[in-house]
Structure formats: C-alpha cells, structure tokens
Protein backbone atom coordinates (compact mmCIF):
# COMPACT_ATOMS: atom_id res chain seq x y z
CA UNK A 1 0.23 -0.15 0.25
CA UNK A 2 1.39 3.46 -0.66
CA UNK A 3 1.85 5.76 2.17
CA UNK A 4 0.94 9.61 1.61
CA UNK A 5 2.37 12.63 3.47
CA UNK A 6 -1.47 12.88 4.47
CA UNK A 7 -2.07 9.42 6.42
CA UNK A 8 2.38 10.03 7.69
CA UNK A 9 0.82 13.34 9.25
CA UNK A 10 -2.40 11.99 10.81
CA UNK A 11 -0.51 9.71 12.68
CA UNK A 12 2.06 12.27 13.47
CA UNK A 13 -0.56 14.44 15.01
CA UNK A 14 -2.38 11.77 17.08
CA UNK A 15 1.08 10.04 18.37
CA UNK A 16 2.77 13.13 18.47
CA UNK A 17 5.76 11.10 17.15
CA UNK A 18 8.82 12.04 14.17
CA UNK A 19 8.35 12.04 10.45
CA UNK A 20 10.23 8.80 10.42
CA UNK A 21 8.76 6.96 13.30
CA UNK A 22 4.88 7.91 11.76
CA UNK A 23 5.88 6.52 8.48
CA UNK A 24 7.98 3.63 9.50
CA UNK A 25 4.89 2.83 11.66
CA UNK A 26 2.56 2.74 8.42
CA UNK A 27 5.13 1.12 6.24
CA UNK A 28 5.22 -2.01 9.17
CA UNK A 29 1.34 -1.60 9.28
CA UNK A 30 0.24 -1.33 5.62
CA UNK A 31 -1.43 1.77 6.18
CA UNK A 32 -3.38 0.78 9.39
CA UNK A 33 -3.92 3.36 11.35
CA UNK A 34 -4.94 1.76 14.31
CA UNK A 35 -2.25 -0.86 14.07
CA UNK A 36 0.24 1.97 13.74
CA UNK A 37 -0.21 3.60 16.80
CA UNK A 38 -0.20 0.23 18.68
CA UNK A 39 2.90 -0.55 16.94
CA UNK A 40 4.28 2.71 18.04
CA UNK A 41 2.96 1.94 21.37
CA UNK A 42 5.07 -1.28 21.73
CA UNK A 43 8.14 0.15 20.77
CA UNK A 44 7.71 2.87 23.40
CA UNK A 45 7.87 5.51 20.99
CA UNK A 46 4.05 6.75 21.76
CA UNK A 47 4.86 6.81 24.94
CA UNK A 48 7.75 8.81 24.89
CA UNK A 49 6.02 11.27 22.91
CA UNK A 50 3.17 12.36 24.99
CA UNK A 51 6.55 13.29 28.11
CA UNK A 52 8.02 15.12 25.13
CA UNK A 53 5.24 18.32 25.82
CA UNK A 54 5.99 18.52 28.73
CA UNK A 55 8.85 21.12 29.70
CA UNK A 56 12.21 20.17 30.56
CA UNK A 57 13.93 22.93 31.86
CA UNK A 58 16.20 20.62 34.52
CA UNK A 59 18.94 18.68 33.71
CA UNK A 60 22.92 18.59 33.62
CA UNK A 61 25.55 20.23 31.62
CA UNK A 62 28.60 17.69 30.44
CA UNK A 63 31.70 19.16 29.51
CA UNK A 64 35.58 17.67 28.20
CA UNK A 65 38.67 18.60 27.08
CA UNK A 66 40.60 16.31 24.84
CA UNK A 67 43.79 17.99 23.71
CA UNK A 68 43.16 21.07 22.31
CA UNK A 69 39.80 21.24 21.82
CA UNK A 70 36.73 21.06 24.13
CA UNK A 71 32.83 20.60 24.17
CA UNK A 72 29.50 21.40 26.20
CA UNK A 73 26.69 19.99 26.08
CA UNK A 74 23.34 20.96 27.78
CA UNK A 75 20.95 17.84 28.08
CA UNK A 76 17.49 18.75 29.69
CA UNK A 77 15.00 16.76 31.82
CA UNK A 78 12.04 18.02 33.69
CA UNK A 79 13.24 17.78 37.44
CA UNK A 80 16.45 18.58 39.17
CA UNK A 81 15.44 15.05 40.93
CA UNK A 82 16.15 13.08 38.02
CA UNK A 83 19.24 15.00 37.19
CA UNK A 84 20.86 13.54 40.69
CA UNK A 85 19.77 9.84 39.17
CA UNK A 86 22.73 8.12 38.27
CA UNK A 87 21.72 6.54 35.19
CA UNK A 88 20.72 10.24 33.92
CA UNK A 89 24.40 10.92 34.88
CA UNK A 90 25.63 8.24 33.30
CA UNK A 91 23.41 9.35 30.00
CA UNK A 92 25.11 12.59 29.84
CA UNK A 93 28.45 11.11 30.32
CA UNK A 94 27.77 9.18 27.54
CA UNK A 95 26.54 11.93 25.36
CA UNK A 96 29.65 14.38 26.13
CA UNK A 97 32.33 11.44 25.09
CA UNK A 98 30.34 11.56 21.97
CA UNK A 99 30.04 15.19 21.40
CA UNK A 100 33.98 15.69 21.61
CA UNK A 101 33.97 13.26 18.56
CA UNK A 102 32.01 15.28 16.28
CA UNK A 103 31.77 18.82 14.45
CA UNK A 104 28.17 20.33 15.91
CA UNK A 105 24.96 19.46 17.30
CA UNK A 106 23.34 17.83 14.12
CA UNK A 107 25.89 15.18 13.61
CA UNK A 108 25.76 14.77 17.82
CA UNK A 109 22.17 13.76 17.29
CA UNK A 110 22.88 11.61 14.71
CA UNK A 111 26.34 9.63 15.89
CA UNK A 112 26.19 5.97 17.28
CA UNK A 113 25.56 5.51 21.00
CA UNK A 114 25.19 1.93 22.09
CA UNK A 115 23.71 0.58 19.24
CA UNK A 116 21.66 3.32 17.86
CA UNK A 117 21.74 7.29 17.34
CA UNK A 118 21.96 9.11 20.16
CA UNK A 119 18.37 10.78 19.47
CA UNK A 120 17.16 7.50 19.45
CA UNK A 121 19.40 6.40 22.96
CA UNK A 122 17.26 9.77 24.82
CA UNK A 123 14.38 8.59 22.97
CA UNK A 124 14.69 5.01 24.97
CA UNK A 125 15.39 7.10 28.07
CA UNK A 126 12.23 8.83 28.19
CA UNK A 127 10.24 5.62 28.43
CA UNK A 128 12.53 4.42 30.71
CA UNK A 129 13.06 6.52 33.18
CA UNK A 130 9.24 8.49 32.52
CA UNK A 131 10.39 11.83 32.29
CA UNK A 132 10.47 14.54 29.08
CA UNK A 133 14.31 14.56 28.28
CA UNK A 134 16.51 16.23 25.68
CA UNK A 135 19.81 17.14 24.50
CA UNK A 136 19.11 20.78 24.05
CA UNK A 137 22.58 22.17 22.78
CA UNK A 138 26.14 21.88 22.13
CA UNK A 139 29.47 23.88 22.12
CA UNK A 140 33.08 22.96 20.87
CA UNK A 141 35.95 25.46 21.72
CA UNK A 142 39.87 25.01 20.26
CA UNK A 143 42.49 26.74 20.91
CA UNK A 144 46.46 26.24 21.93
CA UNK A 145 44.88 25.50 25.14
CA UNK A 146 41.45 24.74 26.37
CA UNK A 147 40.44 25.45 30.45
CA UNK A 148 37.39 23.76 31.50
CA UNK A 149 35.89 24.17 34.77
CA UNK A 150 32.32 22.94 35.75
CA UNK A 151 30.05 24.70 38.40
CA UNK A 152 27.99 22.98 41.18
CA UNK A 153 29.30 19.31 39.57
CA UNK A 154 27.09 16.43 40.31
CA UNK A 155 29.67 14.87 39.03
CA UNK A 156 33.36 14.61 37.49
CA UNK A 157 32.56 17.01 34.25
CA UNK A 158 28.51 17.74 34.60
CA UNK A 159 27.23 19.73 36.42
CA UNK A 160 24.85 22.94 36.24
CA UNK A 161 27.18 24.98 35.03
CA UNK A 162 30.27 24.85 32.34
CA UNK A 163 32.29 26.83 31.03
CA UNK A 164 35.11 26.23 27.93
CA UNK A 165 38.40 28.81 27.89
CA UNK A 166 40.34 29.02 25.11
CA UNK A 167 43.80 30.52 25.07
CA UNK A 168 46.65 30.95 22.90
CA UNK A 169 50.20 30.15 24.46
CA UNK A 170 50.97 27.63 27.39
CA UNK A 171 48.13 27.47 30.56
CA UNK A 172 49.98 27.55 33.35
CA UNK A 173 46.80 27.04 35.54
CA UNK A 174 45.37 30.53 34.63
CA UNK A 175 42.57 29.25 32.73
CA UNK A 176 40.61 27.15 35.23
CA UNK A 177 41.11 30.80 37.03
CA UNK A 178 39.50 32.53 34.18
CA UNK A 179 36.69 29.99 33.69
CA UNK A 180 35.56 30.09 37.34
CA UNK A 181 35.55 33.78 37.16
CA UNK A 182 33.41 33.76 33.50
CA UNK A 183 30.93 30.83 35.81
CA UNK A 184 30.82 33.10 38.35
CA UNK A 185 30.16 36.72 35.92
CA UNK A 186 28.28 35.57 32.78
CA UNK A 187 30.06 38.01 30.81
CA UNK A 188 28.17 38.85 27.49
CA UNK A 189 31.18 38.62 24.99
CA UNK A 190 35.02 38.58 24.69
CA UNK A 191 35.80 42.19 23.75
CA UNK A 192 33.85 45.22 23.27
CA UNK A 193 33.59 44.61 19.15
CA UNK A 194 32.22 41.06 19.61
CA UNK A 195 29.05 42.41 21.91
CA UNK A 196 25.77 42.35 20.13
CA UNK A 197 24.88 45.52 18.61
CA UNK A 198 21.71 45.39 19.33
CA UNK A 199 22.13 44.76 22.77
CA UNK A 200 24.49 48.20 22.44
CA UNK A 201 22.10 49.84 20.90
CA UNK A 202 19.29 48.95 23.68
CA UNK A 203 21.05 49.67 26.30
CA UNK A 204 22.43 53.39 24.91
CA UNK A 205 19.10 53.50 24.32
CA UNK A 206 17.52 52.94 28.05
CA UNK A 207 20.76 55.33 29.56
CA UNK A 208 19.85 58.11 27.33
CA UNK A 209 16.43 58.17 28.29
CA UNK A 210 17.89 57.96 32.11
CA UNK A 211 19.75 60.53 31.32
CA UNK A 212 17.32 62.93 29.74
CA UNK A 213 14.86 62.39 33.01
CA UNK A 214 17.41 64.66 34.95
CA UNK A 215 16.74 67.41 33.04
CA UNK A 216 20.04 67.74 31.77
CA UNK A 217 21.12 69.81 28.52
CA UNK A 218 21.52 67.49 25.66
CA UNK A 219 25.49 68.50 25.39
CA UNK A 220 26.22 67.14 28.72
CA UNK A 221 23.71 64.31 28.38
CA UNK A 222 26.11 62.79 25.40
CA UNK A 223 29.24 63.28 27.85
CA UNK A 224 27.06 61.00 30.34
CA UNK A 225 26.35 58.45 27.61
CA UNK A 226 30.08 57.72 26.80
CA UNK A 227 30.62 57.24 30.27
CA UNK A 228 28.09 55.43 30.95
CA UNK A 229 28.58 52.87 27.99
CA UNK A 230 32.60 52.49 29.20
CA UNK A 231 31.24 51.26 32.61
CA UNK A 232 28.80 49.38 30.50
CA UNK A 233 30.89 47.80 28.97
CA UNK A 234 33.60 47.24 31.51
CA UNK A 235 31.07 45.33 33.50
CA UNK A 236 29.98 42.56 30.58
CA UNK A 237 33.27 42.41 28.46
CA UNK A 238 35.42 39.45 29.27
CA UNK A 239 38.98 41.30 28.93
CA UNK A 240 37.94 44.55 30.41
CA UNK A 241 35.99 42.57 34.03
CA UNK A 242 37.74 43.15 36.70
CA UNK A 243 39.41 39.77 37.46
CA UNK A 244 37.71 38.05 40.47
CA UNK A 245 40.73 36.28 42.01
CA UNK A 246 42.66 39.85 41.83
CA UNK A 247 40.17 42.40 41.09
CA UNK A 248 43.39 44.79 40.94
CA UNK A 249 43.48 43.40 37.28
CA UNK A 250 41.50 42.92 34.85
CA UNK A 251 41.18 39.76 33.05
CA UNK A 252 42.51 40.71 30.03
CA UNK A 253 45.32 41.85 32.18
CA UNK A 254 46.04 39.02 34.31
CA UNK A 255 46.16 36.49 31.10
CA UNK A 256 48.95 38.99 29.56
CA UNK A 257 50.58 38.71 33.13
CA UNK A 258 50.19 35.04 33.04
CA UNK A 259 51.75 35.38 29.52
CA UNK A 260 48.62 34.15 27.84
CA UNK A 261 45.77 35.53 25.45
CA UNK A 262 42.18 34.44 25.27
CA UNK A 263 40.94 33.72 22.47
CA UNK A 264 37.33 32.52 22.99
CA UNK A 265 34.98 31.25 25.82
CA UNK A 266 31.77 29.42 25.89
CA UNK A 267 29.61 29.29 28.86
CA UNK A 268 26.55 26.71 28.80
CA UNK A 269 24.15 27.23 32.13
CA UNK A 270 21.08 24.41 32.24
CA UNK A 271 17.64 25.49 31.44
CA UNK A 272 18.91 29.37 30.46
CA UNK A 273 16.23 31.11 28.21
CA UNK A 274 13.70 28.20 29.00
CA UNK A 275 10.25 29.28 30.40
CA UNK A 276 9.46 27.09 33.20
CA UNK A 277 5.53 26.28 34.12
CA UNK A 278 4.74 27.30 37.41
CA UNK A 279 2.10 25.70 38.87
CA UNK A 280 1.35 25.53 43.06
CA UNK A 281 1.48 22.21 44.67
CA UNK A 282 -2.66 22.68 45.42
CA UNK A 283 -3.49 23.33 42.48
CA UNK A 284 -2.00 20.29 40.56
CA UNK A 285 -3.59 18.21 42.96
CA UNK A 286 -6.77 19.52 42.39
CA UNK A 287 -6.33 19.07 38.74
CA UNK A 288 -5.26 15.04 39.23
CA UNK A 289 -8.85 14.92 40.85
CA UNK A 290 -10.38 16.69 38.36
CA UNK A 291 -11.40 19.44 40.80
C-alpha cells in the first residue's frame, strides 16, 4: 500500500512522534492507522512522544577537554530529581563522550551510541526513566590550550554550569581561574568588538532616556552617555571585567601577565532561556482529582 504524506501527518498529529517514526509505523502495518498507533506504543515511541510535550528545563551540562579542543553539552530533564539520578548522569556522560568526537549539534544527534543514534538512545531513556528529556545544545572550542570548569558538579565533568576557555599560549593554571570567573560573572562577550549591536543600542537607549529624565542639556547628556557606556563595556565584556581572583587587574591584564591571550570562551548553564511552567502544589493535586 502506498503511504501518503497526509497519512504520515495524521499519525504524527495523533501520537506526537517524528515523521520518520510515523512513516515506518505505517509501512510496517500496511497503512493501518490503529495498528500503526499500537506498533508505536509497543516500541515505546508514542509514550515518549506524550512526555515530550512537557517542559524539560532541569538537567545537567556535560563538559570535556581532549587535546586542544573542548566541548560542552546541555541535556535536559523535567526535574532536578532525575538530574541527580545515576542513570541520567551516565547518559550525560555518554553523550559528552560522543560530542567530543563530532563537529556540531546535528552530527551529535545522529552519531552512534550503543548501537543506536544519540537521539534514539534519549528517546529510549524517556520511556525507561519516565520524564521528558532532550539534548538541547552543544558547543565546541579550540585553541593552543583549552581550560574547563564545571560549577555545582554532581560528578566529574557534569554540573549546572559548564565553561570552556580557549587560550593562545601555554596555560599555567590561569585558564581554570578565568573559567571560574566566567561561571560567576557570565560576561556577554569576549570584548567590546564582539558585543551584539542590538544589545549595545538597547543599553544606549535606556541610558539616554535615564539621563534625559534628569533634565540636563543634550550636550551634557551626550558626555554622560559616553561615560556610562564605557562602564557598561567594563561590566559585560570578559577582557575588561575586574578579575574576581585579583580585582586590581582586568581579566585581560591578568591573562597577559600569565603569558597567555584569551581567544574565546563558552559558558553554558542548565535551562537558560527556557520558560518554566509554574504551578502550585495545591493546583496540581486539584487537577489530578478533576477539580
């Protein structure tokens, strides 16, 4: 029987599974929609798809350095309880081990892991652990040397914040100190030149309006904005921030003093930018009772 696009769409809409899984189910069951749904349920895919609609904003970041390259990966779960689970932590470790061998996020999801793809292994874990999970993002960094730091670590290379710092020159220990600084301050960019133009313009607009509220002449306001923007750049750019370990130096000056140059960094925190659905416990109980 010929499997049409509309049949695949209908099965996807009713089960929430991916296009390829829906098509495979229909092929295996000669286009029978009910049999295809049962086939997906038997494989655990429909169950996983149902859970996949729930917000997964907890989890762990895995980090690893090999040679002159490093990688950080965020793997999400619905609850921090699962993030503390040894099985989930092992999954994050396995995915991080694969990530160091590939170039980008798409390659990671398609990469082999224990006889399946990484994406398929995660789907299987959704079924066995019972929570929605996802590999959300991945970042790579290379340099003469790469330093790593994991904050709130629950196990080696796994925690709530992962940081990589790429250096030009030989790292004598300054790399990890800078990575710890980045974890604490969350700089917006390496330098002023790397800042988003949109972010700079937004900040300038806010500061200009604040200055105008003071009623001062435009000429004075212009000079005020220059000074305030300079302070803003010092606060949000890594090279110009006061180094937390020695506030008398900027991070850039501390690196230079140590004989290295910072060429890049990555900071990845669990759940950044994910909107969590807040619901009080009483409302949740009432919902289960049909109230």
